[in-house]
Amino acid sequence: MQPVLSIAGSDPSGGAGIQADLKTFAAFRVYGMAALTALTVQNTRGVRGFVALEPDFVVAQVEAVLDDIPPAAAKTGMLANAGIVRALADLAARRPIPNLVVDPVMVATSGDLLLERDAVDAIRNNLLPAATVITPNRPEAETLLGRTIRTPDEAADAARALAALGPRAVLLKGGHAAAEGERHNPRESVDFLYDGDRMHRLALPWVDTVHTHGTGCTLSSALAAGLARGWPLHEAALRAKRFVWDGLVHGFPVGSGRGPVNHSVPAVLD
């Protein structure tokens, strides 16, 4: 069983963050580990606030894991501020982490801010070059690139532009475009995977549901788990997308807001 590390914030309602990552790791039958970056106050209705941990303490957690249980892959989620971003980038430069998936979390599904604004430059300049693959949604990609993305061609171009910032690959998620009405017929959720050489279009039917809490966390952790299992990037991305899709199809109402993805669905492992 391969060990996989999540470096992210905590969601006390269980649908996103570290909690979603550990559930996903269990579904993919890898050994889940976690280093906390922030404590949030949130539920399915929104984020009420968060407290970021000290960057040195975040790094100390990660180093403790690296010293004892070297991960086969890792992912970053909510990093909260520029200090944590730079500290982790410095650590990755000193002690490269294999199969590092960077999910540049900026805003929660509810629309609440999860990243201080001065940290965007730190992600762009310091952390992206250390990543094996990054998994931005469209608004995050627009923020990182400073331009709008409205069409599939623009999304593909954006994936290439993001790769030029240093990561070896980019998985640009398209769910926000579909959610905002930019849907084709038949309605699809389309992601673009650029591996530095080829552009892959990953499409599944759009799922009409409000229970989307934790989709980004779940996708990135599923991708990290697949890479840890030794799957090629394209296969790991496809299986991660399918896991999220199944979790949306079989979603269930938890709380009175945007309920979580169902992490109990079986992952496709064979």
C-alpha atoms as a PDB file:
ATOM      1  CA  MET A   1       0.000   0.000   0.000  1.00  0.00           C
ATOM      2  CA  GLN A   2       1.597   3.224  -1.177  1.00  0.00           C
ATOM      3  CA  PRO A   3       1.717   6.200   1.238  1.00  0.00           C
ATOM      4  CA  VAL A   4       0.247   9.498   0.006  1.00  0.00           C
ATOM      5  CA  LEU A   5       0.417  12.839   1.807  1.00  0.00           C
ATOM      6  CA  SER A   6      -2.137  15.650   1.792  1.00  0.00           C
ATOM      7  CA  ILE A   7      -0.996  19.137   2.777  1.00  0.00           C
ATOM      8  CA  ALA A   8      -4.203  21.093   3.224  1.00  0.00           C
ATOM      9  CA  GLY A   9      -6.740  22.708   5.531  1.00  0.00           C
ATOM     10  CA  SER A  10      -9.294  21.025   7.750  1.00  0.00           C
ATOM     11  CA  ASP A  11     -13.034  21.052   7.053  1.00  0.00           C
ATOM     12  CA  PRO A  12     -14.965  20.234  10.242  1.00  0.00           C
ATOM     13  CA  SER A  13     -18.062  19.364   8.209  1.00  0.00           C
ATOM     14  CA  GLY A  14     -16.116  16.563   6.521  1.00  0.00           C
ATOM     15  CA  GLY A  15     -16.824  17.276   2.867  1.00  0.00           C
ATOM     16  CA  ALA A  16     -13.651  19.016   1.725  1.00  0.00           C
ATOM     17  CA  GLY A  17     -10.047  19.574   2.758  1.00  0.00           C
ATOM     18  CA  ILE A  18      -8.061  17.000   4.690  1.00  0.00           C
ATOM     19  CA  GLN A  19     -11.202  15.029   5.506  1.00  0.00           C
ATOM     20  CA  ALA A  20     -12.158  14.620   1.833  1.00  0.00           C
ATOM     21  CA  ASP A  21      -8.570  13.756   0.932  1.00  0.00           C
ATOM     22  CA  LEU A  22      -8.290  10.979   3.511  1.00  0.00           C
ATOM     23  CA  LYS A  23     -11.631   9.493   2.448  1.00  0.00           C
ATOM     24  CA  THR A  24     -10.460   9.537  -1.160  1.00  0.00           C
ATOM     25  CA  PHE A  25      -7.135   7.925  -0.301  1.00  0.00           C
ATOM     26  CA  ALA A  26      -9.014   5.139   1.466  1.00  0.00           C
ATOM     27  CA  ALA A  27     -11.222   4.590  -1.583  1.00  0.00           C
ATOM     28  CA  PHE A  28      -8.119   4.236  -3.773  1.00  0.00           C
ATOM     29  CA  ARG A  29      -6.488   1.898  -1.235  1.00  0.00           C
ATOM     30  CA  VAL A  30      -3.434   3.991  -0.538  1.00  0.00           C
ATOM     31  CA  TYR A  31      -2.126   4.900   2.907  1.00  0.00           C
ATOM     32  CA  GLY A  32      -3.327   8.405   3.671  1.00  0.00           C
ATOM     33  CA  MET A  33      -1.289  10.932   5.658  1.00  0.00           C
ATOM     34  CA  ALA A  34      -2.035  14.580   6.388  1.00  0.00           C
ATOM     35  CA  ALA A  35      -0.205  17.781   7.305  1.00  0.00           C
ATOM     36  CA  LEU A  36      -2.501  20.619   8.332  1.00  0.00           C
ATOM     37  CA  THR A  37      -2.091  24.152   6.983  1.00  0.00           C
ATOM     38  CA  ALA A  38      -5.197  25.798   8.428  1.00  0.00           C
ATOM     39  CA  LEU A  39      -8.240  25.254  10.600  1.00  0.00           C
ATOM     40  CA  THR A  40     -11.467  26.430   9.033  1.00  0.00           C
ATOM     41  CA  VAL A  41     -14.850  27.223  10.506  1.00  0.00           C
ATOM     42  CA  GLN A  42     -17.264  25.976   7.866  1.00  0.00           C
ATOM     43  CA  ASN A  43     -20.193  23.767   7.008  1.00  0.00           C
ATOM     44  CA  THR A  44     -22.169  23.052   3.840  1.00  0.00           C
ATOM     45  CA  ARG A  45     -23.483  26.630   3.835  1.00  0.00           C
ATOM     46  CA  GLY A  46     -20.132  28.390   3.734  1.00  0.00           C
ATOM     47  CA  VAL A  47     -16.845  29.305   5.364  1.00  0.00           C
ATOM     48  CA  ARG A  48     -17.154  31.486   8.458  1.00  0.00           C
ATOM     49  CA  GLY A  49     -13.422  31.952   8.977  1.00  0.00           C
ATOM     50  CA  PHE A  50     -10.062  30.254   9.201  1.00  0.00           C
ATOM     51  CA  VAL A  51      -6.839  30.335  11.167  1.00  0.00           C
ATOM     52  CA  ALA A  52      -3.612  29.557   9.318  1.00  0.00           C
ATOM     53  CA  LEU A  53      -0.865  27.647  11.092  1.00  0.00           C
ATOM     54  CA  GLU A  54       2.660  29.028  11.251  1.00  0.00           C
ATOM     55  CA  PRO A  55       4.656  28.184   8.087  1.00  0.00           C
ATOM     56  CA  ASP A  56       7.485  26.600  10.114  1.00  0.00           C
ATOM     57  CA  PHE A  57       4.991  24.338  11.866  1.00  0.00           C
ATOM     58  CA  VAL A  58       3.472  23.268   8.537  1.00  0.00           C
ATOM     59  CA  VAL A  59       6.921  22.433   7.185  1.00  0.00           C
ATOM     60  CA  ALA A  60       7.800  20.577  10.399  1.00  0.00           C
ATOM     61  CA  GLN A  61       4.769  18.315   9.919  1.00  0.00           C
ATOM     62  CA  VAL A  62       5.779  17.525   6.344  1.00  0.00           C
ATOM     63  CA  GLU A  63       9.408  16.909   7.262  1.00  0.00           C
ATOM     64  CA  ALA A  64       8.375  14.526  10.039  1.00  0.00           C
ATOM     65  CA  VAL A  65       6.512  12.459   7.454  1.00  0.00           C
ATOM     66  CA  LEU A  66       9.349  12.626   4.910  1.00  0.00           C
ATOM     67  CA  ASP A  67      11.845  11.459   7.542  1.00  0.00           C
ATOM     68  CA  ASP A  68       9.829   8.367   8.412  1.00  0.00           C
ATOM     69  CA  ILE A  69       7.277   7.466   5.707  1.00  0.00           C
ATOM     70  CA  PRO A  70       8.416   8.899   2.349  1.00  0.00           C
ATOM     71  CA  PRO A  71       5.260   9.381   0.259  1.00  0.00           C
ATOM     72  CA  ALA A  72       4.879   7.990  -3.240  1.00  0.00           C
ATOM     73  CA  ALA A  73       2.833  11.108  -4.019  1.00  0.00           C
ATOM     74  CA  ALA A  74       1.546  14.222  -2.313  1.00  0.00           C
ATOM     75  CA  LYS A  75      -1.026  16.931  -2.909  1.00  0.00           C
ATOM     76  CA  THR A  76      -1.469  20.449  -1.694  1.00  0.00           C
ATOM     77  CA  GLY A  77      -4.858  22.006  -1.104  1.00  0.00           C
ATOM     78  CA  MET A  78      -5.680  25.093   0.934  1.00  0.00           C
ATOM     79  CA  LEU A  79      -2.398  26.872   1.733  1.00  0.00           C
ATOM     80  CA  ALA A  80      -3.969  30.027   3.195  1.00  0.00           C
ATOM     81  CA  ASN A  81      -1.146  32.550   2.768  1.00  0.00           C
ATOM     82  CA  ALA A  82       2.085  33.436   1.011  1.00  0.00           C
ATOM     83  CA  GLY A  83       4.246  32.416   3.961  1.00  0.00           C
ATOM     84  CA  ILE A  84       3.025  28.820   3.852  1.00  0.00           C
ATOM     85  CA  VAL A  85       3.293  28.700   0.054  1.00  0.00           C
ATOM     86  CA  ARG A  86       6.896  29.905   0.047  1.00  0.00           C
ATOM     87  CA  ALA A  87       7.890  27.654   2.950  1.00  0.00           C
ATOM     88  CA  LEU A  88       6.538  24.588   1.151  1.00  0.00           C
ATOM     89  CA  ALA A  89       8.174  25.634  -2.119  1.00  0.00           C
ATOM     90  CA  ASP A  90      11.513  25.972  -0.317  1.00  0.00           C
ATOM     91  CA  LEU A  91      11.024  22.537   1.228  1.00  0.00           C
ATOM     92  CA  ALA A  92      10.205  20.995  -2.159  1.00  0.00           C
ATOM     93  CA  ALA A  93      13.389  22.518  -3.588  1.00  0.00           C
ATOM     94  CA  ARG A  94      15.469  20.990  -0.775  1.00  0.00           C
ATOM     95  CA  ARG A  95      13.648  17.675  -0.630  1.00  0.00           C
ATOM     96  CA  PRO A  96      11.799  16.975  -3.888  1.00  0.00           C
ATOM     97  CA  ILE A  97       8.495  15.191  -3.366  1.00  0.00           C
ATOM     98  CA  PRO A  98       7.545  12.698  -6.097  1.00  0.00           C
ATOM     99  CA  ASN A  99       4.244  13.107  -7.924  1.00  0.00           C
ATOM    100  CA  LEU A 100       3.382  16.437  -6.329  1.00  0.00           C
ATOM    101  CA  VAL A 101      -0.151  17.495  -7.244  1.00  0.00           C
ATOM    102  CA  VAL A 102      -0.815  21.184  -6.597  1.00  0.00           C
ATOM    103  CA  ASP A 103      -4.460  22.198  -6.330  1.00  0.00           C
ATOM    104  CA  PRO A 104      -4.241  26.022  -6.234  1.00  0.00           C
ATOM    105  CA  VAL A 105      -7.224  26.442  -3.925  1.00  0.00           C
ATOM    106  CA  MET A 106      -8.354  30.055  -3.812  1.00  0.00           C
ATOM    107  CA  VAL A 107     -12.109  30.045  -3.252  1.00  0.00           C
ATOM    108  CA  ALA A 108     -14.429  27.461  -1.689  1.00  0.00           C
ATOM    109  CA  THR A 109     -17.397  26.007  -3.577  1.00  0.00           C
ATOM    110  CA  SER A 110     -19.542  28.387  -1.513  1.00  0.00           C
ATOM    111  CA  GLY A 111     -17.614  31.348  -2.942  1.00  0.00           C
ATOM    112  CA  ASP A 112     -15.718  32.112   0.269  1.00  0.00           C
ATOM    113  CA  LEU A 113     -12.054  33.139   0.053  1.00  0.00           C
ATOM    114  CA  LEU A 114      -9.573  30.486   1.236  1.00  0.00           C
ATOM    115  CA  LEU A 115      -6.343  32.184   0.156  1.00  0.00           C
ATOM    116  CA  GLU A 116      -4.986  35.583   1.094  1.00  0.00           C
ATOM    117  CA  ARG A 117      -4.617  37.672  -2.045  1.00  0.00           C
ATOM    118  CA  ASP A 118      -0.866  38.204  -1.747  1.00  0.00           C
ATOM    119  CA  ALA A 119      -0.341  34.435  -1.967  1.00  0.00           C
ATOM    120  CA  VAL A 120      -1.326  34.187  -5.646  1.00  0.00           C
ATOM    121  CA  ASP A 121       2.062  35.465  -6.796  1.00  0.00           C
ATOM    122  CA  ALA A 122       3.779  33.024  -4.447  1.00  0.00           C
ATOM    123  CA  ILE A 123       1.849  30.105  -5.929  1.00  0.00           C
ATOM    124  CA  ARG A 124       2.593  31.245  -9.471  1.00  0.00           C
ATOM    125  CA  ASN A 125       6.277  31.974  -8.947  1.00  0.00           C
ATOM    126  CA  ASN A 126       7.341  29.566  -6.213  1.00  0.00           C
ATOM    127  CA  LEU A 127       5.100  26.514  -6.023  1.00  0.00           C
ATOM    128  CA  LEU A 128       3.994  25.771  -9.593  1.00  0.00           C
ATOM    129  CA  PRO A 129       7.561  25.029 -10.770  1.00  0.00           C
ATOM    130  CA  ALA A 130       7.792  22.284  -8.110  1.00  0.00           C
ATOM    131  CA  ALA A 131       4.596  20.535  -9.243  1.00  0.00           C
ATOM    132  CA  THR A 132       4.226  17.367 -11.252  1.00  0.00           C
ATOM    133  CA  VAL A 133       0.702  18.431 -12.164  1.00  0.00           C
ATOM    134  CA  ILE A 134      -1.576  21.306 -11.165  1.00  0.00           C
ATOM    135  CA  THR A 135      -5.374  21.104 -11.041  1.00  0.00           C
ATOM    136  CA  PRO A 136      -6.878  24.604 -11.272  1.00  0.00           C
ATOM    137  CA  ASN A 137     -10.508  25.264 -12.060  1.00  0.00           C
ATOM    138  CA  ARG A 138     -11.259  27.975 -14.570  1.00  0.00           C
ATOM    139  CA  PRO A 139     -11.468  30.932 -12.122  1.00  0.00           C
ATOM    140  CA  GLU A 140      -8.167  29.857 -10.557  1.00  0.00           C
ATOM    141  CA  ALA A 141      -6.547  29.580 -13.990  1.00  0.00           C
ATOM    142  CA  GLU A 142      -7.846  33.031 -14.893  1.00  0.00           C
ATOM    143  CA  THR A 143      -6.357  34.464 -11.697  1.00  0.00           C
ATOM    144  CA  LEU A 144      -2.985  32.802 -12.238  1.00  0.00           C
ATOM    145  CA  LEU A 145      -2.788  33.931 -15.871  1.00  0.00           C
ATOM    146  CA  GLY A 146      -4.510  37.314 -15.557  1.00  0.00           C
ATOM    147  CA  ARG A 147      -6.883  36.674 -18.453  1.00  0.00           C
ATOM    148  CA  THR A 148     -10.385  35.380 -19.096  1.00  0.00           C
ATOM    149  CA  ILE A 149     -11.175  31.896 -20.355  1.00  0.00           C
ATOM    150  CA  ARG A 150     -14.516  31.473 -22.084  1.00  0.00           C
ATOM    151  CA  THR A 151     -14.226  28.878 -24.878  1.00  0.00           C
ATOM    152  CA  PRO A 152     -12.758  25.377 -25.166  1.00  0.00           C
ATOM    153  CA  ASP A 153      -9.967  26.714 -27.383  1.00  0.00           C
ATOM    154  CA  GLU A 154      -9.146  29.348 -24.761  1.00  0.00           C
ATOM    155  CA  ALA A 155      -9.122  26.661 -22.071  1.00  0.00           C
ATOM    156  CA  ALA A 156      -6.673  24.549 -24.068  1.00  0.00           C
ATOM    157  CA  ASP A 157      -4.454  27.594 -24.642  1.00  0.00           C
ATOM    158  CA  ALA A 158      -4.628  28.402 -20.935  1.00  0.00           C
ATOM    159  CA  ALA A 159      -3.483  24.887 -20.028  1.00  0.00           C
ATOM    160  CA  ARG A 160      -0.423  25.356 -22.237  1.00  0.00           C
ATOM    161  CA  ALA A 161       0.253  28.781 -20.734  1.00  0.00           C
ATOM    162  CA  LEU A 162       0.041  27.377 -17.210  1.00  0.00           C
ATOM    163  CA  ALA A 163       2.487  24.619 -18.130  1.00  0.00           C
ATOM    164  CA  ALA A 164       4.926  27.331 -19.237  1.00  0.00           C
ATOM    165  CA  LEU A 165       4.996  28.513 -15.602  1.00  0.00           C
ATOM    166  CA  GLY A 166       6.850  25.360 -14.587  1.00  0.00           C
ATOM    167  CA  PRO A 167       4.629  22.368 -13.759  1.00  0.00           C
ATOM    168  CA  ARG A 168       5.177  19.264 -15.837  1.00  0.00           C
ATOM    169  CA  ALA A 169       1.462  18.903 -16.557  1.00  0.00           C
ATOM    170  CA  VAL A 170      -1.826  20.781 -16.157  1.00  0.00           C
ATOM    171  CA  LEU A 171      -5.336  19.434 -15.566  1.00  0.00           C
ATOM    172  CA  LEU A 172      -7.623  22.415 -16.184  1.00  0.00           C
ATOM    173  CA  LYS A 173     -11.067  21.636 -14.808  1.00  0.00           C
ATOM    174  CA  GLY A 174     -14.127  22.780 -16.741  1.00  0.00           C
ATOM    175  CA  GLY A 175     -16.961  22.341 -14.281  1.00  0.00           C
ATOM    176  CA  HIS A 176     -17.316  26.058 -13.573  1.00  0.00           C
ATOM    177  CA  ALA A 177     -17.925  26.791 -17.254  1.00  0.00           C
ATOM    178  CA  ALA A 178     -20.747  24.270 -17.406  1.00  0.00           C
ATOM    179  CA  ALA A 179     -22.194  25.513 -14.136  1.00  0.00           C
ATOM    180  CA  GLU A 180     -22.352  29.034 -15.517  1.00  0.00           C
ATOM    181  CA  GLY A 181     -24.345  27.985 -18.568  1.00  0.00           C
ATOM    182  CA  GLU A 182     -21.579  27.517 -21.138  1.00  0.00           C
ATOM    183  CA  ARG A 183     -22.833  24.082 -22.004  1.00  0.00           C
ATOM    184  CA  HIS A 184     -22.782  22.233 -25.257  1.00  0.00           C
ATOM    185  CA  ASN A 185     -25.356  19.706 -26.403  1.00  0.00           C
ATOM    186  CA  PRO A 186     -25.163  17.082 -24.998  1.00  0.00           C
ATOM    187  CA  ARG A 187     -24.183  18.811 -21.778  1.00  0.00           C
ATOM    188  CA  GLU A 188     -20.717  17.785 -20.677  1.00  0.00           C
ATOM    189  CA  SER A 189     -18.177  18.492 -17.993  1.00  0.00           C
ATOM    190  CA  VAL A 190     -14.943  18.870 -19.953  1.00  0.00           C
ATOM    191  CA  ASP A 191     -11.457  19.026 -18.465  1.00  0.00           C
ATOM    192  CA  PHE A 192      -8.263  19.640 -20.436  1.00  0.00           C
ATOM    193  CA  LEU A 193      -5.154  17.657 -19.563  1.00  0.00           C
ATOM    194  CA  TYR A 194      -1.911  18.949 -21.045  1.00  0.00           C
ATOM    195  CA  ASP A 195       1.053  16.673 -20.395  1.00  0.00           C
ATOM    196  CA  GLY A 196       3.695  18.931 -21.900  1.00  0.00           C
ATOM    197  CA  ASP A 197       3.331  17.253 -25.272  1.00  0.00           C
ATOM    198  CA  ARG A 198      -0.290  16.359 -25.985  1.00  0.00           C
ATOM    199  CA  MET A 199      -3.618  17.919 -25.092  1.00  0.00           C
ATOM    200  CA  HIS A 200      -6.238  15.447 -23.863  1.00  0.00           C
ATOM    201  CA  ARG A 201      -9.941  16.263 -23.637  1.00  0.00           C
ATOM    202  CA  LEU A 202     -11.609  14.486 -20.696  1.00  0.00           C
ATOM    203  CA  ALA A 203     -15.399  14.591 -20.889  1.00  0.00           C
ATOM    204  CA  LEU A 204     -18.272  13.092 -18.925  1.00  0.00           C
ATOM    205  CA  PRO A 205     -21.970  14.015 -18.878  1.00  0.00           C
ATOM    206  CA  TRP A 206     -22.859  16.992 -16.721  1.00  0.00           C
ATOM    207  CA  VAL A 207     -24.435  16.040 -13.388  1.00  0.00           C
ATOM    208  CA  ASP A 208     -27.195  18.408 -12.273  1.00  0.00           C
ATOM    209  CA  THR A 209     -26.720  18.548  -8.512  1.00  0.00           C
ATOM    210  CA  VAL A 210     -26.096  21.134  -5.826  1.00  0.00           C
ATOM    211  CA  HIS A 211     -24.107  18.619  -3.772  1.00  0.00           C
ATOM    212  CA  THR A 212     -20.670  19.621  -5.044  1.00  0.00           C
ATOM    213  CA  HIS A 213     -18.840  20.432  -1.803  1.00  0.00           C
ATOM    214  CA  GLY A 214     -15.280  19.110  -1.997  1.00  0.00           C
ATOM    215  CA  THR A 215     -15.136  18.245  -5.703  1.00  0.00           C
ATOM    216  CA  GLY A 216     -11.776  19.945  -6.266  1.00  0.00           C
ATOM    217  CA  CYS A 217     -10.160  18.416  -3.177  1.00  0.00           C
ATOM    218  CA  THR A 218     -11.460  15.006  -4.135  1.00  0.00           C
ATOM    219  CA  LEU A 219     -10.216  15.188  -7.728  1.00  0.00           C
ATOM    220  CA  SER A 220      -6.704  16.265  -6.781  1.00  0.00           C
ATOM    221  CA  SER A 221      -6.373  13.655  -4.045  1.00  0.00           C
ATOM    222  CA  ALA A 222      -7.692  10.935  -6.367  1.00  0.00           C
ATOM    223  CA  LEU A 223      -5.138  12.015  -8.967  1.00  0.00           C
ATOM    224  CA  ALA A 224      -2.322  11.862  -6.414  1.00  0.00           C
ATOM    225  CA  ALA A 225      -3.486   8.407  -5.324  1.00  0.00           C
ATOM    226  CA  GLY A 226      -3.484   7.186  -8.917  1.00  0.00           C
ATOM    227  CA  LEU A 227       0.038   8.494  -9.517  1.00  0.00           C
ATOM    228  CA  ALA A 228       1.171   6.816  -6.293  1.00  0.00           C
ATOM    229  CA  ARG A 229      -0.241   3.549  -7.584  1.00  0.00           C
ATOM    230  CA  GLY A 230       1.952   3.903 -10.667  1.00  0.00           C
ATOM    231  CA  TRP A 231      -0.722   4.758 -13.201  1.00  0.00           C
ATOM    232  CA  PRO A 232       0.271   6.917 -16.173  1.00  0.00           C
ATOM    233  CA  LEU A 233      -0.887  10.536 -15.850  1.00  0.00           C
ATOM    234  CA  HIS A 234      -3.677  10.242 -18.425  1.00  0.00           C
ATOM    235  CA  GLU A 235      -5.090   7.102 -16.803  1.00  0.00           C
ATOM    236  CA  ALA A 236      -4.811   8.578 -13.297  1.00  0.00           C
ATOM    237  CA  ALA A 237      -6.651  11.717 -14.442  1.00  0.00           C
ATOM    238  CA  LEU A 238      -9.428   9.726 -16.119  1.00  0.00           C
ATOM    239  CA  ARG A 239      -9.989   7.545 -13.049  1.00  0.00           C
ATOM    240  CA  ALA A 240      -9.909  10.562 -10.741  1.00  0.00           C
ATOM    241  CA  LYS A 241     -12.510  12.343 -12.861  1.00  0.00           C
ATOM    242  CA  ARG A 242     -14.690   9.234 -12.934  1.00  0.00           C
ATOM    243  CA  PHE A 243     -14.483   8.892  -9.138  1.00  0.00           C
ATOM    244  CA  VAL A 244     -15.711  12.463  -8.677  1.00  0.00           C
ATOM    245  CA  TRP A 245     -18.422  11.934 -11.303  1.00  0.00           C
ATOM    246  CA  ASP A 246     -19.664   8.791  -9.529  1.00  0.00           C
ATOM    247  CA  GLY A 247     -19.618  10.715  -6.242  1.00  0.00           C
ATOM    248  CA  LEU A 248     -21.809  13.408  -7.786  1.00  0.00           C
ATOM    249  CA  VAL A 249     -24.214  10.927  -9.407  1.00  0.00           C
ATOM    250  CA  HIS A 250     -24.650   9.126  -6.090  1.00  0.00           C
ATOM    251  CA  GLY A 251     -24.559  12.252  -3.962  1.00  0.00           C
ATOM    252  CA  PHE A 252     -26.791  12.624  -0.954  1.00  0.00           C
ATOM    253  CA  PRO A 253     -28.013  15.614   1.051  1.00  0.00           C
ATOM    254  CA  VAL A 254     -25.872  16.316   4.086  1.00  0.00           C
ATOM    255  CA  GLY A 255     -26.573  19.595   5.831  1.00  0.00           C
ATOM    256  CA  SER A 256     -28.758  22.386   4.507  1.00  0.00           C
ATOM    257  CA  GLY A 257     -26.347  23.847   1.931  1.00  0.00           C
ATOM    258  CA  ARG A 258     -24.155  22.350  -0.767  1.00  0.00           C
ATOM    259  CA  GLY A 259     -23.737  18.765   0.346  1.00  0.00           C
ATOM    260  CA  PRO A 260     -20.536  16.821  -0.220  1.00  0.00           C
ATOM    261  CA  VAL A 261     -19.438  14.438  -2.918  1.00  0.00           C
ATOM    262  CA  ASN A 262     -20.185  10.848  -1.905  1.00  0.00           C
ATOM    263  CA  HIS A 263     -16.751   9.426  -1.090  1.00  0.00           C
ATOM    264  CA  SER A 264     -18.239   5.989  -0.449  1.00  0.00           C
ATOM    265  CA  VAL A 265     -18.501   5.135  -4.137  1.00  0.00           C
ATOM    266  CA  PRO A 266     -15.966   2.505  -5.236  1.00  0.00           C
ATOM    267  CA  ALA A 267     -12.915   3.704  -7.127  1.00  0.00           C
ATOM    268  CA  VAL A 268     -11.983   1.884 -10.342  1.00  0.00           C
ATOM    269  CA  LEU A 269      -8.704   0.202  -9.468  1.00  0.00           C
ATOM    270  CA  ASP A 270      -8.406  -2.604 -12.070  1.00  0.00           C
END
